[in-house]
């Protein structure tokens, strides 16, 4: 029975992928669950990085449209603090 701090999940993979997954876990000396948690955390980090990049691109586009220089941006940021 799972502990209150764990939820049991079932996933399905093609047989070849399942073999590779188990092999990777063995090579790393981890359980399948440990490897999944590591992969999931990595995915979340990458997703956050992508969102930050998209936000930066959006901001850069707006700044360009408004014709604001980097110096002006820094001045405006520090004025608001």
Protein backbone atom coordinates (compact mmCIF):
# COMPACT_ATOMS: atom_id res chain seq x y z
CA UNK A 1 0.00 0.00 0.00
CA UNK A 2 1.42 3.43 -0.96
CA UNK A 3 2.43 5.81 1.77
CA UNK A 4 0.47 9.05 2.19
CA UNK A 5 3.42 10.87 0.61
CA UNK A 6 3.38 8.81 -2.59
CA UNK A 7 0.81 8.22 -5.31
CA UNK A 8 1.09 5.13 -7.46
CA UNK A 9 0.82 5.74 -11.19
CA UNK A 10 0.80 3.34 -14.08
CA UNK A 11 2.24 4.27 -17.46
CA UNK A 12 2.47 2.29 -20.65
CA UNK A 13 5.42 2.33 -23.01
CA UNK A 14 6.26 0.48 -26.18
CA UNK A 15 8.32 -2.62 -25.29
CA UNK A 16 11.59 -1.27 -26.72
CA UNK A 17 11.22 2.01 -24.86
CA UNK A 18 10.44 0.14 -21.62
CA UNK A 19 13.62 -1.93 -22.05
CA UNK A 20 15.68 1.20 -22.66
CA UNK A 21 14.09 2.91 -19.66
CA UNK A 22 14.89 0.00 -17.34
CA UNK A 23 18.43 -0.13 -18.76
CA UNK A 24 19.00 3.57 -18.10
CA UNK A 25 17.70 3.21 -14.54
CA UNK A 26 20.00 0.21 -13.97
CA UNK A 27 23.01 2.07 -15.37
CA UNK A 28 22.29 5.03 -13.10
CA UNK A 29 21.73 2.74 -10.12
CA UNK A 30 18.22 4.14 -9.65
CA UNK A 31 14.78 2.66 -9.44
CA UNK A 32 12.29 3.30 -12.23
CA UNK A 33 10.46 5.68 -9.89
CA UNK A 34 13.61 7.63 -9.07
CA UNK A 35 14.43 7.98 -12.76
CA UNK A 36 10.90 9.15 -13.52
CA UNK A 37 11.02 11.78 -10.74
CA UNK A 38 14.37 13.03 -12.08
CA UNK A 39 13.01 13.21 -15.62
CA UNK A 40 9.85 14.98 -14.47
CA UNK A 41 11.82 17.62 -12.53
CA UNK A 42 14.09 18.15 -15.54
CA UNK A 43 11.03 18.60 -17.76
CA UNK A 44 9.56 21.18 -15.38
CA UNK A 45 12.85 23.12 -15.30
CA UNK A 46 13.07 23.13 -19.10
CA UNK A 47 9.44 24.28 -19.37
CA UNK A 48 10.12 27.17 -16.98
CA UNK A 49 13.21 28.15 -18.96
CA UNK A 50 11.17 28.14 -22.17
CA UNK A 51 8.44 30.26 -20.58
CA UNK A 52 11.06 32.75 -19.34
CA UNK A 53 12.61 32.91 -22.82
CA UNK A 54 9.19 33.56 -24.37
CA UNK A 55 8.49 36.28 -21.80
CA UNK A 56 11.86 37.89 -22.53
CA UNK A 57 11.14 37.79 -26.27
CA UNK A 58 7.75 39.41 -25.69
CA UNK A 59 9.31 42.13 -23.53
CA UNK A 60 12.08 42.78 -26.04
CA UNK A 61 9.50 43.14 -28.79
CA UNK A 62 7.46 45.62 -26.77
CA UNK A 63 10.56 47.63 -25.87
CA UNK A 64 11.54 47.72 -29.53
CA UNK A 65 8.06 48.90 -30.53
CA UNK A 66 8.24 51.68 -27.94
CA UNK A 67 11.79 52.67 -28.92
CA UNK A 68 13.09 52.45 -25.36
CA UNK A 69 16.85 52.05 -24.84
CA UNK A 70 18.49 49.69 -22.36
CA UNK A 71 19.61 52.68 -20.29
CA UNK A 72 16.02 53.93 -20.10
CA UNK A 73 14.82 50.49 -19.04
CA UNK A 74 17.34 50.36 -16.20
CA UNK A 75 16.38 53.89 -15.11
CA UNK A 76 12.67 53.01 -15.13
CA UNK A 77 13.25 49.81 -13.18
CA UNK A 78 15.28 51.55 -10.49
CA UNK A 79 12.81 54.46 -10.31
CA UNK A 80 10.07 52.00 -9.46
CA UNK A 81 11.99 50.43 -6.58
